[in-house]
Protein backbone atom coordinates (compact mmCIF):
# COMPACT_ATOMS: atom_id res chain seq x y z
CA MET A 1 -68.12 -14.80 6.44
CA SER A 2 -71.19 -16.96 8.17
CA GLU A 3 -74.61 -16.39 7.51
CA ARG A 4 -74.99 -15.01 10.85
CA ASP A 5 -72.15 -12.67 10.53
CA GLU A 6 -73.59 -11.57 7.26
CA ILE A 7 -76.97 -10.52 9.11
CA VAL A 8 -75.31 -9.16 12.06
CA LYS A 9 -73.31 -6.90 9.49
CA ALA A 10 -76.15 -5.92 7.66
CA SER A 11 -78.06 -4.87 10.92
CA GLN A 12 -75.19 -2.85 11.79
CA GLN A 13 -74.83 -1.17 8.21
CA LEU A 14 -78.61 -0.14 8.72
CA ALA A 15 -77.90 1.45 12.14
CA GLY A 16 -74.85 3.42 10.56
CA ALA A 17 -76.81 4.42 7.75
CA ILE A 18 -79.62 5.81 10.26
CA ALA A 19 -77.20 7.38 12.32
CA ARG A 20 -75.65 9.25 9.17
CA ARG A 21 -79.17 9.98 7.71
CA ASP A 22 -77.95 8.10 4.63
CA LEU A 23 -81.65 7.95 3.26
CA ARG A 24 -80.22 5.90 -0.05
CA SER A 25 -78.49 3.62 2.17
CA ILE A 26 -81.22 2.99 4.41
CA GLY A 27 -83.53 2.14 1.45
CA GLU A 28 -80.83 -0.48 0.11
CA CYS A 29 -81.27 -2.15 3.46
CA LEU A 30 -85.00 -2.73 3.08
CA ALA A 31 -86.56 -5.43 1.32
CA ILE A 32 -89.58 -5.17 -0.72
CA GLY A 33 -92.74 -4.56 1.01
CA PHE A 34 -90.77 -3.58 4.01
CA VAL A 35 -93.07 -2.95 7.15
CA HIS A 36 -92.32 -1.35 10.47
CA ARG A 37 -94.43 -1.58 13.27
CA THR A 38 -94.65 0.50 16.99
CA HIS A 39 -95.43 -1.09 20.17
CA GLY A 40 -98.71 1.09 19.84
CA GLY A 41 -99.49 -0.64 16.72
CA ALA A 42 -99.00 2.14 13.90
CA VAL A 43 -97.84 0.54 10.75
CA VAL A 44 -95.49 2.21 8.10
CA ASP A 45 -94.05 1.21 4.95
CA ALA A 46 -90.74 1.87 3.34
CA GLU A 47 -91.19 5.18 2.27
CA ALA A 48 -92.69 6.58 5.49
CA PHE A 49 -90.08 4.72 7.63
CA ILE A 50 -87.13 6.68 5.89
CA ARG A 51 -89.07 9.94 6.12
CA GLY A 52 -89.47 9.49 9.57
CA ILE A 53 -85.57 8.97 10.29
CA GLU A 54 -85.24 12.35 7.81
CA GLN A 55 -87.50 14.28 10.17
CA ILE A 56 -85.75 13.08 13.50
CA PRO A 57 -85.15 16.44 15.11
CA GLY A 58 -81.91 17.66 16.38
CA GLU A 59 -78.28 15.86 15.18
CA ILE A 60 -78.12 12.19 15.63
CA LEU A 61 -74.81 11.67 17.66
CA PHE A 62 -74.89 7.96 17.04
CA VAL A 63 -77.00 4.63 16.73
CA THR A 64 -75.37 1.46 18.00
CA LEU A 65 -76.85 -2.13 18.65
CA GLU A 66 -76.20 -4.01 21.82
CA CYS A 67 -76.97 -7.62 22.56
CA LEU A 68 -77.79 -8.77 19.46
CA ASP A 69 -79.19 -12.33 18.77
CA VAL A 70 -79.92 -14.15 15.45
CA ASP A 71 -81.99 -17.10 15.03
CA LEU A 72 -81.52 -18.09 11.53
CA VAL A 73 -84.18 -20.28 9.83
CA PRO A 74 -84.50 -21.59 6.44
CA THR A 75 -87.09 -18.63 5.02
CA GLY A 76 -85.01 -15.85 7.42
CA ALA A 77 -83.47 -14.51 10.31
CA LEU A 78 -84.88 -13.26 13.35
CA VAL A 79 -82.69 -10.64 15.06
CA THR A 80 -83.40 -9.19 18.77
CA GLY A 81 -81.41 -6.56 20.83
CA VAL A 82 -81.19 -3.23 21.88
CA GLN A 83 -81.02 -0.03 19.91
CA HIS A 84 -78.78 2.68 21.65
CA ALA A 85 -79.10 5.98 20.24
CA GLN A 86 -78.02 9.82 21.26
CA VAL A 87 -79.44 12.92 19.74
CA ARG A 88 -78.43 16.45 20.29
CA LEU A 89 -81.72 18.55 20.34
CA ASP A 90 -81.57 22.32 21.68
CA GLY A 91 -78.09 21.82 23.30
CA GLN A 92 -79.28 18.76 25.22
CA VAL A 93 -78.30 14.88 24.62
CA LEU A 94 -81.34 12.88 24.64
CA ASP A 95 -80.25 9.16 25.57
CA ASP A 96 -82.67 6.38 23.87
CA ARG A 97 -82.46 2.63 24.25
CA ARG A 98 -85.17 0.31 22.96
CA GLN A 99 -85.58 -2.88 22.33
CA PHE A 100 -86.33 -4.67 19.09
CA VAL A 101 -87.17 -7.40 16.82
CA ASP A 102 -86.25 -7.45 13.07
CA TRP A 103 -87.05 -9.98 10.36
CA PHE A 104 -84.62 -10.39 7.60
CA VAL A 105 -84.88 -12.14 4.36
CA LYS A 106 -82.31 -12.64 1.79
CA GLN A 107 -82.77 -10.79 -1.63
CA ALA A 108 -80.76 -10.75 -4.54
CA GLY A 109 -78.02 -12.62 -2.45
CA ALA A 110 -78.05 -9.70 0.28
CA TRP A 111 -79.84 -9.80 3.90
CA CYS A 112 -82.41 -7.16 3.90
CA LEU A 113 -84.64 -5.96 6.51
CA GLN A 114 -88.31 -7.31 5.88
CA ALA A 115 -90.11 -6.34 8.76
CA ALA A 116 -89.14 -4.25 12.18
CA VAL A 117 -91.00 -3.91 15.53
CA ASP A 118 -89.95 -1.37 18.06
CA LEU A 119 -90.94 -2.72 22.01
CA PRO A 120 -91.82 -0.42 24.58
CA GLN A 121 -88.85 1.06 26.84
CA PRO A 122 -88.86 -0.74 30.21
CA GLU A 123 -90.63 1.18 33.15
């Protein structure tokens, strides 16, 4: 498997763990010192990021990744794409697509997410 394929697989594993609310697996996908930044500027660490996923209201129906691009450089990998998720809340299905920028690094031989940025939804 190529490095690019490993990074895509790591991205998809994280999306699957989020969809299942598998908090342990999510934590295992995050690098030491992980940070998440929203387009509004809020910054959270790994613990708060995991807690936020745990507290998503409703039933997560799925989380998939679309339009993935991977730029591999000697110090890590830049991954961009679109996260598509659906959540059922009070009988209503909410559909969410948002662009993201992720920075992956290799830790102990595995690709882990070091930093993540959510971008605003297009108008």
